[in-house]
Amino acid sequence: MLAKIFAGITVAYTLSPIDLVPDFIPVLGYLDDVILLPMLVALTINFVCMVCEI
């Protein structure tokens, strides 16, 4: 169940035009995408792998 929630959050954040920090802010706008997206993908993969092992 938790894996599905994180997968949904990851897909929603990736496809959403609304960012945590807007992209027009010079460095921080793209930095949140560079940091948050790989972190969300890694968490999702981790939770999916935990479910597959059970």
PDB file of N, CA and C in Angstrom:
ATOM      1  N   MET A   1       0.824  -1.193   0.000  1.00  0.00           N
ATOM      2  CA  MET A   1       0.000   0.000   0.000  1.00  0.00           C
ATOM      3  C   MET A   1       0.868   1.257   0.000  1.00  0.00           C
ATOM      4  N   LEU A   2       1.915   1.256   0.820  1.00  0.00           N
ATOM      5  CA  LEU A   2       2.800   2.416   0.898  1.00  0.00           C
ATOM      6  C   LEU A   2       3.561   2.618  -0.405  1.00  0.00           C
ATOM      7  N   ALA A   3       3.891   1.502  -1.071  1.00  0.00           N
ATOM      8  CA  ALA A   3       4.587   1.598  -2.361  1.00  0.00           C
ATOM      9  C   ALA A   3       3.701   2.282  -3.394  1.00  0.00           C
ATOM     10  N   LYS A   4       2.417   1.966  -3.396  1.00  0.00           N
ATOM     11  CA  LYS A   4       1.485   2.588  -4.345  1.00  0.00           C
ATOM     12  C   LYS A   4       1.325   4.078  -4.058  1.00  0.00           C
ATOM     13  N   ILE A   5       1.326   4.447  -2.797  1.00  0.00           N
ATOM     14  CA  ILE A   5       1.200   5.863  -2.429  1.00  0.00           C
ATOM     15  C   ILE A   5       2.420   6.640  -2.911  1.00  0.00           C
ATOM     16  N   PHE A   6       3.621   6.100  -2.655  1.00  0.00           N
ATOM     17  CA  PHE A   6       4.830   6.793  -3.102  1.00  0.00           C
ATOM     18  C   PHE A   6       4.926   6.833  -4.620  1.00  0.00           C
ATOM     19  N   ALA A   7       4.478   5.778  -5.289  1.00  0.00           N
ATOM     20  CA  ALA A   7       4.475   5.784  -6.754  1.00  0.00           C
ATOM     21  C   ALA A   7       3.527   6.855  -7.278  1.00  0.00           C
ATOM     22  N   GLY A   8       2.378   6.986  -6.659  1.00  0.00           N
ATOM     23  CA  GLY A   8       1.425   8.019  -7.066  1.00  0.00           C
ATOM     24  C   GLY A   8       1.947   9.420  -6.821  1.00  0.00           C
ATOM     25  N   ILE A   9       2.588   9.622  -5.678  1.00  0.00           N
ATOM     26  CA  ILE A   9       3.164  10.935  -5.368  1.00  0.00           C
ATOM     27  C   ILE A   9       4.274  11.275  -6.358  1.00  0.00           C
ATOM     28  N   THR A  10       5.106  10.298  -6.683  1.00  0.00           N
ATOM     29  CA  THR A  10       6.214  10.523  -7.627  1.00  0.00           C
ATOM     30  C   THR A  10       5.691  10.889  -8.999  1.00  0.00           C
ATOM     31  N   VAL A  11       4.714  10.151  -9.497  1.00  0.00           N
ATOM     32  CA  VAL A  11       4.153  10.438 -10.817  1.00  0.00           C
ATOM     33  C   VAL A  11       3.438  11.787 -10.811  1.00  0.00           C
ATOM     34  N   ALA A  12       2.691  12.071  -9.758  1.00  0.00           N
ATOM     35  CA  ALA A  12       1.961  13.340  -9.680  1.00  0.00           C
ATOM     36  C   ALA A  12       2.918  14.527  -9.635  1.00  0.00           C
ATOM     37  N   TYR A  13       3.990  14.425  -8.870  1.00  0.00           N
ATOM     38  CA  TYR A  13       4.948  15.524  -8.788  1.00  0.00           C
ATOM     39  C   TYR A  13       5.700  15.706 -10.097  1.00  0.00           C
ATOM     40  N   THR A  14       5.990  14.590 -10.764  1.00  0.00           N
ATOM     41  CA  THR A  14       6.713  14.662 -12.035  1.00  0.00           C
ATOM     42  C   THR A  14       5.870  15.324 -13.115  1.00  0.00           C
ATOM     43  N   LEU A  15       4.608  14.982 -13.190  1.00  0.00           N
ATOM     44  CA  LEU A  15       3.743  15.492 -14.245  1.00  0.00           C
ATOM     45  C   LEU A  15       3.046  16.803 -13.901  1.00  0.00           C
ATOM     46  N   SER A  16       3.079  17.186 -12.651  1.00  0.00           N
ATOM     47  CA  SER A  16       2.376  18.388 -12.211  1.00  0.00           C
ATOM     48  C   SER A  16       3.107  19.658 -12.662  1.00  0.00           C
ATOM     49  N   PRO A  17       2.356  20.626 -13.167  1.00  0.00           N
ATOM     50  CA  PRO A  17       2.994  21.899 -13.521  1.00  0.00           C
ATOM     51  C   PRO A  17       3.313  22.751 -12.288  1.00  0.00           C
ATOM     52  N   ILE A  18       2.818  22.351 -11.135  1.00  0.00           N
ATOM     53  CA  ILE A  18       3.054  23.097  -9.902  1.00  0.00           C
ATOM     54  C   ILE A  18       4.262  22.486  -9.200  1.00  0.00           C
ATOM     55  N   ASP A  19       5.276  23.301  -8.949  1.00  0.00           N
ATOM     56  CA  ASP A  19       6.484  22.843  -8.264  1.00  0.00           C
ATOM     57  C   ASP A  19       6.484  23.318  -6.820  1.00  0.00           C
ATOM     58  N   LEU A  20       7.323  22.672  -6.025  1.00  0.00           N
ATOM     59  CA  LEU A  20       7.503  23.104  -4.640  1.00  0.00           C
ATOM     60  C   LEU A  20       8.119  24.504  -4.625  1.00  0.00           C
ATOM     61  N   VAL A  21       9.131  24.708  -5.450  1.00  0.00           N
ATOM     62  CA  VAL A  21       9.752  26.021  -5.652  1.00  0.00           C
ATOM     63  C   VAL A  21       9.612  26.336  -7.139  1.00  0.00           C
ATOM     64  N   PRO A  22       9.005  27.468  -7.505  1.00  0.00           N
ATOM     65  CA  PRO A  22       8.804  27.783  -8.926  1.00  0.00           C
ATOM     66  C   PRO A  22      10.118  27.857  -9.701  1.00  0.00           C
ATOM     67  N   ASP A  23      10.062  27.472 -10.984  1.00  0.00           N
ATOM     68  CA  ASP A  23      11.273  27.405 -11.803  1.00  0.00           C
ATOM     69  C   ASP A  23      11.831  28.768 -12.181  1.00  0.00           C
ATOM     70  N   PHE A  24      11.060  29.830 -12.032  1.00  0.00           N
ATOM     71  CA  PHE A  24      11.584  31.138 -12.402  1.00  0.00           C
ATOM     72  C   PHE A  24      12.535  31.708 -11.362  1.00  0.00           C
ATOM     73  N   ILE A  25      12.637  31.093 -10.194  1.00  0.00           N
ATOM     74  CA  ILE A  25      13.648  31.483  -9.210  1.00  0.00           C
ATOM     75  C   ILE A  25      14.968  30.890  -9.704  1.00  0.00           C
ATOM     76  N   PRO A  26      16.001  31.707  -9.918  1.00  0.00           N
ATOM     77  CA  PRO A  26      17.183  31.298 -10.689  1.00  0.00           C
ATOM     78  C   PRO A  26      17.775  29.930 -10.386  1.00  0.00           C
ATOM     79  N   VAL A  27      18.197  29.645  -9.198  1.00  0.00           N
ATOM     80  CA  VAL A  27      18.879  28.376  -8.936  1.00  0.00           C
ATOM     81  C   VAL A  27      17.956  27.398  -8.207  1.00  0.00           C
ATOM     82  N   LEU A  28      17.220  27.886  -7.253  1.00  0.00           N
ATOM     83  CA  LEU A  28      16.400  27.014  -6.421  1.00  0.00           C
ATOM     84  C   LEU A  28      15.266  26.346  -7.187  1.00  0.00           C
ATOM     85  N   GLY A  29      14.790  26.987  -8.245  1.00  0.00           N
ATOM     86  CA  GLY A  29      13.680  26.439  -9.005  1.00  0.00           C
ATOM     87  C   GLY A  29      14.008  25.100  -9.645  1.00  0.00           C
ATOM     88  N   TYR A  30      15.190  24.987 -10.212  1.00  0.00           N
ATOM     89  CA  TYR A  30      15.584  23.728 -10.833  1.00  0.00           C
ATOM     90  C   TYR A  30      16.258  22.793  -9.837  1.00  0.00           C
ATOM     91  N   LEU A  31      16.808  23.351  -8.777  1.00  0.00           N
ATOM     92  CA  LEU A  31      17.492  22.534  -7.782  1.00  0.00           C
ATOM     93  C   LEU A  31      16.514  21.605  -7.062  1.00  0.00           C
ATOM     94  N   ASP A  32      15.286  22.068  -6.819  1.00  0.00           N
ATOM     95  CA  ASP A  32      14.323  21.193  -6.156  1.00  0.00           C
ATOM     96  C   ASP A  32      13.960  20.013  -7.055  1.00  0.00           C
ATOM     97  N   ASP A  33      13.893  20.235  -8.381  1.00  0.00           N
ATOM     98  CA  ASP A  33      13.630  19.122  -9.291  1.00  0.00           C
ATOM     99  C   ASP A  33      14.800  18.152  -9.329  1.00  0.00           C
ATOM    100  N   VAL A  34      16.011  18.664  -9.289  1.00  0.00           N
ATOM    101  CA  VAL A  34      17.204  17.820  -9.351  1.00  0.00           C
ATOM    102  C   VAL A  34      17.352  16.994  -8.070  1.00  0.00           C
ATOM    103  N   ILE A  35      16.892  17.516  -6.950  1.00  0.00           N
ATOM    104  CA  ILE A  35      17.023  16.806  -5.675  1.00  0.00           C
ATOM    105  C   ILE A  35      15.792  15.955  -5.369  1.00  0.00           C
ATOM    106  N   LEU A  36      14.598  16.526  -5.519  1.00  0.00           N
ATOM    107  CA  LEU A  36      13.390  15.819  -5.105  1.00  0.00           C
ATOM    108  C   LEU A  36      13.014  14.652  -6.016  1.00  0.00           C
ATOM    109  N   LEU A  37      13.128  14.827  -7.321  1.00  0.00           N
ATOM    110  CA  LEU A  37      12.711  13.746  -8.213  1.00  0.00           C
ATOM    111  C   LEU A  37      13.542  12.475  -8.048  1.00  0.00           C
ATOM    112  N   PRO A  38      14.872  12.548  -8.036  1.00  0.00           N
ATOM    113  CA  PRO A  38      15.629  11.301  -7.799  1.00  0.00           C
ATOM    114  C   PRO A  38      15.361  10.695  -6.415  1.00  0.00           C
ATOM    115  N   MET A  39      15.138  11.556  -5.416  1.00  0.00           N
ATOM    116  CA  MET A  39      14.850  11.054  -4.080  1.00  0.00           C
ATOM    117  C   MET A  39      13.501  10.324  -4.057  1.00  0.00           C
ATOM    118  N   LEU A  40      12.488  10.901  -4.710  1.00  0.00           N
ATOM    119  CA  LEU A  40      11.184  10.254  -4.768  1.00  0.00           C
ATOM    120  C   LEU A  40      11.243   8.947  -5.554  1.00  0.00           C
ATOM    121  N   VAL A  41      11.996   8.935  -6.650  1.00  0.00           N
ATOM    122  CA  VAL A  41      12.130   7.708  -7.437  1.00  0.00           C
ATOM    123  C   VAL A  41      12.846   6.637  -6.618  1.00  0.00           C
ATOM    124  N   ALA A  42      13.892   7.006  -5.896  1.00  0.00           N
ATOM    125  CA  ALA A  42      14.629   6.042  -5.077  1.00  0.00           C
ATOM    126  C   ALA A  42      13.746   5.481  -3.958  1.00  0.00           C
ATOM    127  N   LEU A  43      12.964   6.344  -3.318  1.00  0.00           N
ATOM    128  CA  LEU A  43      12.057   5.866  -2.266  1.00  0.00           C
ATOM    129  C   LEU A  43      11.003   4.929  -2.837  1.00  0.00           C
ATOM    130  N   THR A  44      10.476   5.269  -3.994  1.00  0.00           N
ATOM    131  CA  THR A  44       9.467   4.421  -4.619  1.00  0.00           C
ATOM    132  C   THR A  44      10.043   3.058  -4.967  1.00  0.00           C
ATOM    133  N   ILE A  45      11.226   3.037  -5.556  1.00  0.00           N
ATOM    134  CA  ILE A  45      11.868   1.768  -5.898  1.00  0.00           C
ATOM    135  C   ILE A  45      12.150   0.960  -4.637  1.00  0.00           C
ATOM    136  N   ASN A  46      12.582   1.629  -3.579  1.00  0.00           N
ATOM    137  CA  ASN A  46      12.862   0.948  -2.315  1.00  0.00           C
ATOM    138  C   ASN A  46      11.598   0.300  -1.754  1.00  0.00           C
ATOM    139  N   PHE A  47      10.491   1.029  -1.755  1.00  0.00           N
ATOM    140  CA  PHE A  47       9.250   0.475  -1.219  1.00  0.00           C
ATOM    141  C   PHE A  47       8.707  -0.647  -2.107  1.00  0.00           C
ATOM    142  N   VAL A  48       8.849  -0.521  -3.417  1.00  0.00           N
ATOM    143  CA  VAL A  48       8.391  -1.587  -4.315  1.00  0.00           C
ATOM    144  C   VAL A  48       9.238  -2.835  -4.107  1.00  0.00           C
ATOM    145  N   CYS A  49      10.533  -2.669  -3.937  1.00  0.00           N
ATOM    146  CA  CYS A  49      11.397  -3.824  -3.684  1.00  0.00           C
ATOM    147  C   CYS A  49      11.084  -4.497  -2.353  1.00  0.00           C
ATOM    148  N   MET A  50      10.720  -3.704  -1.347  1.00  0.00           N
ATOM    149  CA  MET A  50      10.347  -4.271  -0.059  1.00  0.00           C
ATOM    150  C   MET A  50       9.074  -5.105  -0.197  1.00  0.00           C
ATOM    151  N   VAL A  51       8.141  -4.645  -1.000  1.00  0.00           N
ATOM    152  CA  VAL A  51       6.889  -5.375  -1.194  1.00  0.00           C
ATOM    153  C   VAL A  51       7.146  -6.652  -1.982  1.00  0.00           C
ATOM    154  N   CYS A  52       8.030  -6.598  -2.968  1.00  0.00           N
ATOM    155  CA  CYS A  52       8.319  -7.783  -3.798  1.00  0.00           C
ATOM    156  C   CYS A  52       9.030  -8.875  -3.012  1.00  0.00           C
ATOM    157  N   GLU A  53       9.783  -8.524  -1.986  1.00  0.00           N
ATOM    158  CA  GLU A  53      10.513  -9.507  -1.199  1.00  0.00           C
ATOM    159  C   GLU A  53       9.597 -10.292  -0.280  1.00  0.00           C
ATOM    160  N   ILE A  54       8.469  -9.717   0.055  1.00  0.00           N
ATOM    161  CA  ILE A  54       7.556 -10.389   1.012  1.00  0.00           C
ATOM    162  C   ILE A  54       6.812 -11.509   0.351  1.00  0.00           C
TER     163      ILE A  54
END
